[in-house]
C-alpha cells in the first residue's frame, strides 16, 4: 500500500472519530461566521446594557466599567489611560433616556433570538417561536444576574485566602454551569434536560478556563493594542475576549449534540 493511500485512509478514519465529527459539524454549520456575527452583536448590545444597568442601579456613569476593567486585569500605564479615555464622560452620572433603554433592550432581544437560531441549528430542533419572546427577556435577565454575581465572586477568588478562593471558584463554576443550562433551555426549549446538564458542565469548565486565560492574555493584549492604536486598540482587545467566549459557548452544545447524534447513528446516516 502506497503512503498516499495510507494517508487518505488515516484522514478518512480521523474524520469519522468523535473529534473529527465535531470539527466537521463546526465548519458545516458555519460557526466561525456565526461566532463573529454574534460577538459583534454582543459587543454593541451587552456593553451598552451593562452601562445602562450601572447608570440606573448604581446611579453612576460608564467610568465604573472602565475602573472594573483596570482592576480586573491590573492595567497600568498606556493601557490604563486608554481604558479611562474610552469610558470617560464629563458627567458623574449618565442620563439614561427611555429611547436609549428601548434601543438597548431591542438589541439584546435581537441577540437572544439570533443565538436561539444558532443553538437550534446545532441541536437540529425548532428555534424559539415568536410568541415565546418572553423567554428572550428572561434570558437577558439571567445574563445580567450571572455577570453581576460572577464579578462579585471573582474579587474573592483573586484577593481572598485559599479557602475563600476555592469556595468562590466552585460557586463561579456552579453559577456559569447552571446559568448557561438555564439560558439554553430558555432559548431552545426542545433540548432534553440531560443534554442541558452536560452543556452546563462543559460551559462551567470553559468559563473557568477562559477567565484563567484572560488573566494572562488581556493585560498584554491591552498594553500592546493601546500602545499602537489607543482606545480603538482597547476595543479590539475586548472584542477578541468576547469572540473567545462566544466560540466556547457554541462549542459546548456542539460537542454534546454531536455525541448524541453519533450515539443514535444520525451522523452515520447523513
C-alpha atoms as a PDB file:
ATOM      1  CA  UNK A   1       0.000   0.000   0.000  1.00  0.00           C
ATOM      2  CA  UNK A   2       1.395   3.404  -1.010  1.00  0.00           C
ATOM      3  CA  UNK A   3       1.944   6.175   1.527  1.00  0.00           C
ATOM      4  CA  UNK A   4      -0.657   8.321  -0.244  1.00  0.00           C
ATOM      5  CA  UNK A   5      -3.288   5.618   0.197  1.00  0.00           C
ATOM      6  CA  UNK A   6      -2.396   5.253   3.862  1.00  0.00           C
ATOM      7  CA  UNK A   7      -2.685   8.997   4.425  1.00  0.00           C
ATOM      8  CA  UNK A   8      -6.095   9.034   2.736  1.00  0.00           C
ATOM      9  CA  UNK A   9      -7.298   6.136   4.903  1.00  0.00           C
ATOM     10  CA  UNK A  10      -5.954   7.829   8.039  1.00  0.00           C
ATOM     11  CA  UNK A  11      -7.724  11.079   7.154  1.00  0.00           C
ATOM     12  CA  UNK A  12     -10.948   9.172   6.429  1.00  0.00           C
ATOM     13  CA  UNK A  13     -10.703   7.358   9.759  1.00  0.00           C
ATOM     14  CA  UNK A  14      -9.968  10.599  11.614  1.00  0.00           C
ATOM     15  CA  UNK A  15     -12.988  12.354  10.116  1.00  0.00           C
ATOM     16  CA  UNK A  16     -15.245   9.591  11.463  1.00  0.00           C
ATOM     17  CA  UNK A  17     -13.949   9.843  15.031  1.00  0.00           C
ATOM     18  CA  UNK A  18     -15.805  11.951  17.588  1.00  0.00           C
ATOM     19  CA  UNK A  19     -13.340  14.900  17.456  1.00  0.00           C
ATOM     20  CA  UNK A  20     -13.354  14.723  13.657  1.00  0.00           C
ATOM     21  CA  UNK A  21     -17.142  14.861  13.501  1.00  0.00           C
ATOM     22  CA  UNK A  22     -17.217  17.809  15.925  1.00  0.00           C
ATOM     23  CA  UNK A  23     -14.792  19.681  13.658  1.00  0.00           C
ATOM     24  CA  UNK A  24     -16.784  18.754  10.530  1.00  0.00           C
ATOM     25  CA  UNK A  25     -20.039  19.999  12.042  1.00  0.00           C
ATOM     26  CA  UNK A  26     -18.311  23.186  13.254  1.00  0.00           C
ATOM     27  CA  UNK A  27     -17.489  24.138   9.674  1.00  0.00           C
ATOM     28  CA  UNK A  28     -20.645  22.671   8.128  1.00  0.00           C
ATOM     29  CA  UNK A  29     -22.776  24.839  10.411  1.00  0.00           C
ATOM     30  CA  UNK A  30     -20.514  27.824   9.613  1.00  0.00           C
ATOM     31  CA  UNK A  31     -19.997  28.514  13.297  1.00  0.00           C
ATOM     32  CA  UNK A  32     -16.932  30.659  12.624  1.00  0.00           C
ATOM     33  CA  UNK A  33     -19.025  33.193  10.697  1.00  0.00           C
ATOM     34  CA  UNK A  34     -21.864  32.950  13.197  1.00  0.00           C
ATOM     35  CA  UNK A  35     -19.498  33.420  16.146  1.00  0.00           C
ATOM     36  CA  UNK A  36     -18.090  36.586  14.560  1.00  0.00           C
ATOM     37  CA  UNK A  37     -21.590  37.956  13.951  1.00  0.00           C
ATOM     38  CA  UNK A  38     -22.782  37.086  17.456  1.00  0.00           C
ATOM     39  CA  UNK A  39     -19.642  38.602  19.012  1.00  0.00           C
ATOM     40  CA  UNK A  40     -20.132  41.869  17.143  1.00  0.00           C
ATOM     41  CA  UNK A  41     -23.788  41.994  18.160  1.00  0.00           C
ATOM     42  CA  UNK A  42     -22.944  41.093  21.762  1.00  0.00           C
ATOM     43  CA  UNK A  43     -20.363  43.876  21.843  1.00  0.00           C
ATOM     44  CA  UNK A  44     -22.880  46.510  20.764  1.00  0.00           C
ATOM     45  CA  UNK A  45     -25.752  45.025  22.800  1.00  0.00           C
ATOM     46  CA  UNK A  46     -24.354  43.784  26.123  1.00  0.00           C
ATOM     47  CA  UNK A  47     -21.816  46.543  26.808  1.00  0.00           C
ATOM     48  CA  UNK A  48     -24.408  49.350  26.452  1.00  0.00           C
ATOM     49  CA  UNK A  49     -26.838  47.242  28.509  1.00  0.00           C
ATOM     50  CA  UNK A  50     -24.197  46.914  31.232  1.00  0.00           C
ATOM     51  CA  UNK A  51     -23.654  50.676  31.249  1.00  0.00           C
ATOM     52  CA  UNK A  52     -27.422  51.277  31.364  1.00  0.00           C
ATOM     53  CA  UNK A  53     -27.800  48.897  34.324  1.00  0.00           C
ATOM     54  CA  UNK A  54     -24.940  50.634  36.154  1.00  0.00           C
ATOM     55  CA  UNK A  55     -26.458  54.031  35.430  1.00  0.00           C
ATOM     56  CA  UNK A  56     -29.904  53.054  36.687  1.00  0.00           C
ATOM     57  CA  UNK A  57     -28.967  50.820  39.635  1.00  0.00           C
ATOM     58  CA  UNK A  58     -25.741  52.403  40.896  1.00  0.00           C
ATOM     59  CA  UNK A  59     -26.573  55.972  39.844  1.00  0.00           C
ATOM     60  CA  UNK A  60     -23.126  56.190  38.279  1.00  0.00           C
ATOM     61  CA  UNK A  61     -21.635  56.523  34.809  1.00  0.00           C
ATOM     62  CA  UNK A  62     -19.787  54.312  32.369  1.00  0.00           C
ATOM     63  CA  UNK A  63     -16.445  55.044  34.041  1.00  0.00           C
ATOM     64  CA  UNK A  64     -17.320  52.338  36.564  1.00  0.00           C
ATOM     65  CA  UNK A  65     -16.952  49.812  33.740  1.00  0.00           C
ATOM     66  CA  UNK A  66     -13.511  51.199  32.910  1.00  0.00           C
ATOM     67  CA  UNK A  67     -12.466  51.037  36.577  1.00  0.00           C
ATOM     68  CA  UNK A  68     -13.649  47.431  36.724  1.00  0.00           C
ATOM     69  CA  UNK A  69     -11.539  46.504  33.681  1.00  0.00           C
ATOM     70  CA  UNK A  70      -8.493  48.269  35.134  1.00  0.00           C
ATOM     71  CA  UNK A  71      -8.840  46.402  38.430  1.00  0.00           C
ATOM     72  CA  UNK A  72      -9.779  43.117  36.760  1.00  0.00           C
ATOM     73  CA  UNK A  73      -6.649  42.953  34.603  1.00  0.00           C
ATOM     74  CA  UNK A  74      -4.298  45.060  36.735  1.00  0.00           C
ATOM     75  CA  UNK A  75      -3.764  47.622  33.975  1.00  0.00           C
ATOM     76  CA  UNK A  76      -1.106  50.301  34.240  1.00  0.00           C
ATOM     77  CA  UNK A  77       0.472  52.926  32.028  1.00  0.00           C
ATOM     78  CA  UNK A  78      -0.771  53.383  28.470  1.00  0.00           C
ATOM     79  CA  UNK A  79      -3.431  50.636  28.635  1.00  0.00           C
ATOM     80  CA  UNK A  80      -4.879  52.165  31.816  1.00  0.00           C
ATOM     81  CA  UNK A  81      -5.056  55.607  30.216  1.00  0.00           C
ATOM     82  CA  UNK A  82      -6.645  54.177  27.052  1.00  0.00           C
ATOM     83  CA  UNK A  83      -9.379  52.398  29.050  1.00  0.00           C
ATOM     84  CA  UNK A  84     -10.072  55.565  31.044  1.00  0.00           C
ATOM     85  CA  UNK A  85     -10.384  57.623  27.852  1.00  0.00           C
ATOM     86  CA  UNK A  86     -12.666  55.004  26.273  1.00  0.00           C
ATOM     87  CA  UNK A  87     -15.211  55.228  29.094  1.00  0.00           C
ATOM     88  CA  UNK A  88     -14.582  58.842  30.097  1.00  0.00           C
ATOM     89  CA  UNK A  89     -17.537  61.199  30.476  1.00  0.00           C
ATOM     90  CA  UNK A  90     -17.895  64.782  31.608  1.00  0.00           C
ATOM     91  CA  UNK A  91     -20.822  63.925  33.879  1.00  0.00           C
ATOM     92  CA  UNK A  92     -20.676  61.958  37.115  1.00  0.00           C
ATOM     93  CA  UNK A  93     -23.983  60.300  36.271  1.00  0.00           C
ATOM     94  CA  UNK A  94     -25.137  59.199  32.843  1.00  0.00           C
ATOM     95  CA  UNK A  95     -28.586  60.495  31.930  1.00  0.00           C
ATOM     96  CA  UNK A  96     -30.343  57.460  30.525  1.00  0.00           C
ATOM     97  CA  UNK A  97     -33.298  58.182  28.275  1.00  0.00           C
ATOM     98  CA  UNK A  98     -36.187  55.839  27.626  1.00  0.00           C
ATOM     99  CA  UNK A  99     -35.093  55.718  23.989  1.00  0.00           C
ATOM    100  CA  UNK A 100     -31.619  54.505  24.990  1.00  0.00           C
ATOM    101  CA  UNK A 101     -33.149  51.830  27.232  1.00  0.00           C
ATOM    102  CA  UNK A 102     -35.549  50.744  24.476  1.00  0.00           C
ATOM    103  CA  UNK A 103     -32.798  50.533  21.835  1.00  0.00           C
ATOM    104  CA  UNK A 104     -30.518  48.609  24.193  1.00  0.00           C
ATOM    105  CA  UNK A 105     -33.307  46.185  25.083  1.00  0.00           C
ATOM    106  CA  UNK A 106     -34.226  45.709  21.429  1.00  0.00           C
ATOM    107  CA  UNK A 107     -30.593  44.969  20.544  1.00  0.00           C
ATOM    108  CA  UNK A 108     -30.324  42.441  23.377  1.00  0.00           C
ATOM    109  CA  UNK A 109     -33.593  40.784  22.285  1.00  0.00           C
ATOM    110  CA  UNK A 110     -32.289  40.562  18.726  1.00  0.00           C
ATOM    111  CA  UNK A 111     -29.112  38.918  20.027  1.00  0.00           C
ATOM    112  CA  UNK A 112     -31.139  36.406  22.042  1.00  0.00           C
ATOM    113  CA  UNK A 113     -33.298  35.437  19.068  1.00  0.00           C
ATOM    114  CA  UNK A 114     -30.259  35.124  16.802  1.00  0.00           C
ATOM    115  CA  UNK A 115     -28.492  32.972  19.379  1.00  0.00           C
ATOM    116  CA  UNK A 116     -31.624  30.824  19.636  1.00  0.00           C
ATOM    117  CA  UNK A 117     -31.444  30.174  15.901  1.00  0.00           C
ATOM    118  CA  UNK A 118     -27.785  29.126  16.111  1.00  0.00           C
ATOM    119  CA  UNK A 119     -28.439  26.761  19.028  1.00  0.00           C
ATOM    120  CA  UNK A 120     -31.452  25.311  17.216  1.00  0.00           C
ATOM    121  CA  UNK A 121     -29.312  24.544  14.146  1.00  0.00           C
ATOM    122  CA  UNK A 122     -26.691  22.857  16.352  1.00  0.00           C
ATOM    123  CA  UNK A 123     -29.261  20.592  18.049  1.00  0.00           C
ATOM    124  CA  UNK A 124     -31.404  20.293  14.887  1.00  0.00           C
ATOM    125  CA  UNK A 125     -34.553  21.367  16.744  1.00  0.00           C
ATOM    126  CA  UNK A 126     -37.051  24.203  16.125  1.00  0.00           C
ATOM    127  CA  UNK A 127     -35.889  27.674  17.136  1.00  0.00           C
ATOM    128  CA  UNK A 128     -37.710  29.914  19.601  1.00  0.00           C
ATOM    129  CA  UNK A 129     -41.248  30.757  18.356  1.00  0.00           C
ATOM    130  CA  UNK A 130     -42.167  34.425  18.065  1.00  0.00           C
ATOM    131  CA  UNK A 131     -44.988  34.057  20.591  1.00  0.00           C
ATOM    132  CA  UNK A 132     -42.481  32.995  23.271  1.00  0.00           C
ATOM    133  CA  UNK A 133     -40.495  36.234  23.195  1.00  0.00           C
ATOM    134  CA  UNK A 134     -40.775  36.352  26.986  1.00  0.00           C
ATOM    135  CA  UNK A 135     -38.098  33.638  27.085  1.00  0.00           C
ATOM    136  CA  UNK A 136     -35.641  36.017  25.424  1.00  0.00           C
ATOM    137  CA  UNK A 137     -36.456  38.672  28.040  1.00  0.00           C
ATOM    138  CA  UNK A 138     -35.758  36.192  30.840  1.00  0.00           C
ATOM    139  CA  UNK A 139     -32.527  35.204  29.053  1.00  0.00           C
ATOM    140  CA  UNK A 140     -31.372  38.850  29.238  1.00  0.00           C
ATOM    141  CA  UNK A 141     -32.165  38.928  32.962  1.00  0.00           C
ATOM    142  CA  UNK A 142     -30.221  35.680  33.518  1.00  0.00           C
ATOM    143  CA  UNK A 143     -27.175  37.108  31.717  1.00  0.00           C
ATOM    144  CA  UNK A 144     -27.216  40.258  33.873  1.00  0.00           C
ATOM    145  CA  UNK A 145     -27.507  38.180  37.072  1.00  0.00           C
ATOM    146  CA  UNK A 146     -24.644  35.869  36.031  1.00  0.00           C
ATOM    147  CA  UNK A 147     -22.311  38.717  35.068  1.00  0.00           C
ATOM    148  CA  UNK A 148     -23.036  40.601  38.305  1.00  0.00           C
ATOM    149  CA  UNK A 149     -22.704  37.560  40.600  1.00  0.00           C
ATOM    150  CA  UNK A 150     -19.508  36.293  38.981  1.00  0.00           C
ATOM    151  CA  UNK A 151     -17.938  39.772  39.112  1.00  0.00           C
ATOM    152  CA  UNK A 152     -18.502  39.886  42.879  1.00  0.00           C
ATOM    153  CA  UNK A 153     -17.183  36.357  43.458  1.00  0.00           C
ATOM    154  CA  UNK A 154     -14.139  36.981  41.263  1.00  0.00           C
ATOM    155  CA  UNK A 155     -12.866  39.538  43.777  1.00  0.00           C
ATOM    156  CA  UNK A 156     -12.901  36.851  46.488  1.00  0.00           C
ATOM    157  CA  UNK A 157     -11.187  34.458  44.096  1.00  0.00           C
ATOM    158  CA  UNK A 158      -8.368  36.927  43.476  1.00  0.00           C
ATOM    159  CA  UNK A 159      -7.949  38.644  46.851  1.00  0.00           C
ATOM    160  CA  UNK A 160      -9.216  36.135  49.439  1.00  0.00           C
ATOM    161  CA  UNK A 161      -7.315  33.341  51.150  1.00  0.00           C
ATOM    162  CA  UNK A 162      -7.019  29.855  49.708  1.00  0.00           C
ATOM    163  CA  UNK A 163     -10.295  28.698  51.309  1.00  0.00           C
ATOM    164  CA  UNK A 164     -12.285  31.677  50.023  1.00  0.00           C
ATOM    165  CA  UNK A 165     -10.621  31.322  46.626  1.00  0.00           C
ATOM    166  CA  UNK A 166     -11.594  27.645  46.426  1.00  0.00           C
ATOM    167  CA  UNK A 167     -15.174  28.275  47.537  1.00  0.00           C
ATOM    168  CA  UNK A 168     -15.649  31.245  45.220  1.00  0.00           C
ATOM    169  CA  UNK A 169     -14.167  29.227  42.338  1.00  0.00           C
ATOM    170  CA  UNK A 170     -16.696  26.446  42.940  1.00  0.00           C
ATOM    171  CA  UNK A 171     -19.526  28.973  43.145  1.00  0.00           C
ATOM    172  CA  UNK A 172     -18.396  30.636  39.902  1.00  0.00           C
ATOM    173  CA  UNK A 173     -18.365  27.218  38.214  1.00  0.00           C
ATOM    174  CA  UNK A 174     -21.844  26.449  39.566  1.00  0.00           C
ATOM    175  CA  UNK A 175     -23.255  29.821  38.529  1.00  0.00           C
ATOM    176  CA  UNK A 176     -21.863  29.623  34.996  1.00  0.00           C
ATOM    177  CA  UNK A 177     -22.895  25.991  34.582  1.00  0.00           C
ATOM    178  CA  UNK A 178     -26.423  26.350  35.947  1.00  0.00           C
ATOM    179  CA  UNK A 179     -26.875  29.754  34.323  1.00  0.00           C
ATOM    180  CA  UNK A 180     -25.825  28.593  30.856  1.00  0.00           C
ATOM    181  CA  UNK A 181     -28.011  25.481  31.122  1.00  0.00           C
ATOM    182  CA  UNK A 182     -30.971  27.657  32.125  1.00  0.00           C
ATOM    183  CA  UNK A 183     -30.197  30.157  29.356  1.00  0.00           C
ATOM    184  CA  UNK A 184     -30.082  27.366  26.761  1.00  0.00           C
ATOM    185  CA  UNK A 185     -33.391  25.930  28.000  1.00  0.00           C
ATOM    186  CA  UNK A 186     -34.953  29.364  27.610  1.00  0.00           C
ATOM    187  CA  UNK A 187     -33.744  29.893  24.042  1.00  0.00           C
ATOM    188  CA  UNK A 188     -34.195  26.311  22.819  1.00  0.00           C
ATOM    189  CA  UNK A 189     -36.955  24.629  24.904  1.00  0.00           C
ATOM    190  CA  UNK A 190     -36.852  21.432  22.819  1.00  0.00           C
ATOM    191  CA  UNK A 191     -33.404  20.379  24.101  1.00  0.00           C
ATOM    192  CA  UNK A 192     -33.688  17.445  26.588  1.00  0.00           C
ATOM    193  CA  UNK A 193     -32.697  18.049  30.212  1.00  0.00           C
ATOM    194  CA  UNK A 194     -29.843  15.545  30.126  1.00  0.00           C
ATOM    195  CA  UNK A 195     -28.196  17.442  27.304  1.00  0.00           C
ATOM    196  CA  UNK A 196     -28.792  20.751  29.100  1.00  0.00           C
ATOM    197  CA  UNK A 197     -26.934  19.416  32.138  1.00  0.00           C
ATOM    198  CA  UNK A 198     -23.995  18.256  30.001  1.00  0.00           C
ATOM    199  CA  UNK A 199     -23.828  21.640  28.241  1.00  0.00           C
ATOM    200  CA  UNK A 200     -23.905  23.401  31.613  1.00  0.00           C
ATOM    201  CA  UNK A 201     -20.975  21.370  32.954  1.00  0.00           C
ATOM    202  CA  UNK A 202     -18.899  21.971  29.814  1.00  0.00           C
ATOM    203  CA  UNK A 203     -19.719  25.675  29.848  1.00  0.00           C
ATOM    204  CA  UNK A 204     -18.756  25.954  33.510  1.00  0.00           C
ATOM    205  CA  UNK A 205     -15.355  24.408  32.792  1.00  0.00           C
ATOM    206  CA  UNK A 206     -14.941  26.570  29.670  1.00  0.00           C
ATOM    207  CA  UNK A 207     -15.748  29.782  31.550  1.00  0.00           C
ATOM    208  CA  UNK A 208     -13.220  28.984  34.275  1.00  0.00           C
ATOM    209  CA  UNK A 209     -10.606  28.236  31.597  1.00  0.00           C
ATOM    210  CA  UNK A 210     -11.442  31.464  29.743  1.00  0.00           C
ATOM    211  CA  UNK A 211     -11.139  33.541  32.915  1.00  0.00           C
ATOM    212  CA  UNK A 212      -7.775  31.961  33.713  1.00  0.00           C
ATOM    213  CA  UNK A 213      -6.559  32.575  30.145  1.00  0.00           C
ATOM    214  CA  UNK A 214      -7.781  36.180  30.209  1.00  0.00           C
ATOM    215  CA  UNK A 215      -5.732  36.908  33.338  1.00  0.00           C
ATOM    216  CA  UNK A 216      -2.559  36.310  31.319  1.00  0.00           C
ATOM    217  CA  UNK A 217      -3.694  37.350  27.830  1.00  0.00           C
ATOM    218  CA  UNK A 218      -5.702  40.532  28.374  1.00  0.00           C
ATOM    219  CA  UNK A 219      -3.111  42.696  30.202  1.00  0.00           C
ATOM    220  CA  UNK A 220      -0.521  42.054  27.473  1.00  0.00           C
ATOM    221  CA  UNK A 221      -3.081  42.416  24.681  1.00  0.00           C
ATOM    222  CA  UNK A 222      -4.451  45.661  26.114  1.00  0.00           C
ATOM    223  CA  UNK A 223      -0.937  47.070  26.604  1.00  0.00           C
ATOM    224  CA  UNK A 224       0.075  46.175  23.053  1.00  0.00           C
ATOM    225  CA  UNK A 225      -3.129  47.343  21.362  1.00  0.00           C
ATOM    226  CA  UNK A 226      -3.383  50.536  23.435  1.00  0.00           C
ATOM    227  CA  UNK A 227       0.229  51.442  22.663  1.00  0.00           C
ATOM    228  CA  UNK A 228      -0.416  51.099  18.920  1.00  0.00           C
ATOM    229  CA  UNK A 229      -3.997  52.258  18.469  1.00  0.00           C
ATOM    230  CA  UNK A 230      -5.113  53.897  21.733  1.00  0.00           C
ATOM    231  CA  UNK A 231      -8.777  53.473  22.722  1.00  0.00           C
ATOM    232  CA  UNK A 232      -9.562  51.708  19.434  1.00  0.00           C
ATOM    233  CA  UNK A 233      -6.967  49.075  20.347  1.00  0.00           C
ATOM    234  CA  UNK A 234      -8.714  48.529  23.686  1.00  0.00           C
ATOM    235  CA  UNK A 235     -11.967  47.971  21.788  1.00  0.00           C
ATOM    236  CA  UNK A 236     -10.287  45.365  19.575  1.00  0.00           C
ATOM    237  CA  UNK A 237      -8.840  43.513  22.591  1.00  0.00           C
ATOM    238  CA  UNK A 238     -12.242  43.462  24.320  1.00  0.00           C
ATOM    239  CA  UNK A 239     -13.868  42.171  21.142  1.00  0.00           C
ATOM    240  CA  UNK A 240     -11.293  39.367  20.970  1.00  0.00           C
ATOM    241  CA  UNK A 241     -12.209  38.316  24.510  1.00  0.00           C
ATOM    242  CA  UNK A 242     -15.913  38.342  23.654  1.00  0.00           C
ATOM    243  CA  UNK A 243     -15.237  36.301  20.493  1.00  0.00           C
ATOM    244  CA  UNK A 244     -13.349  33.668  22.504  1.00  0.00           C
ATOM    245  CA  UNK A 245     -16.276  33.474  24.940  1.00  0.00           C
ATOM    246  CA  UNK A 246     -18.841  33.094  22.151  1.00  0.00           C
ATOM    247  CA  UNK A 247     -16.841  30.324  20.454  1.00  0.00           C
ATOM    248  CA  UNK A 248     -16.640  28.405  23.733  1.00  0.00           C
ATOM    249  CA  UNK A 249     -20.360  28.975  24.308  1.00  0.00           C
ATOM    250  CA  UNK A 250     -21.097  27.392  20.911  1.00  0.00           C
ATOM    251  CA  UNK A 251     -18.582  24.548  21.304  1.00  0.00           C
ATOM    252  CA  UNK A 252     -20.275  23.124  24.404  1.00  0.00           C
ATOM    253  CA  UNK A 253     -23.673  22.433  22.735  1.00  0.00           C
ATOM    254  CA  UNK A 254     -21.864  21.348  19.557  1.00  0.00           C
ATOM    255  CA  UNK A 255     -19.887  18.715  21.464  1.00  0.00           C
ATOM    256  CA  UNK A 256     -22.975  17.448  23.316  1.00  0.00           C
ATOM    257  CA  UNK A 257     -25.243  17.347  20.245  1.00  0.00           C
ATOM    258  CA  UNK A 258     -22.568  15.626  18.145  1.00  0.00           C
ATOM    259  CA  UNK A 259     -22.093  12.975  20.840  1.00  0.00           C
ATOM    260  CA  UNK A 260     -25.852  12.312  20.953  1.00  0.00           C
ATOM    261  CA  UNK A 261     -26.145  12.166  17.147  1.00  0.00           C
ATOM    262  CA  UNK A 262     -23.149   9.855  16.961  1.00  0.00           C
ATOM    263  CA  UNK A 263     -24.675   7.606  19.625  1.00  0.00           C
ATOM    264  CA  UNK A 264     -28.013   7.491  17.836  1.00  0.00           C
ATOM    265  CA  UNK A 265     -26.421   6.857  14.448  1.00  0.00           C
ATOM    266  CA  UNK A 266     -27.801  10.017  12.860  1.00  0.00           C
ATOM    267  CA  UNK A 267     -24.399  11.210  11.681  1.00  0.00           C
ATOM    268  CA  UNK A 268     -23.658   7.874  10.037  1.00  0.00           C
ATOM    269  CA  UNK A 269     -26.945   8.027   8.167  1.00  0.00           C
ATOM    270  CA  UNK A 270     -26.117  11.521   6.953  1.00  0.00           C
END
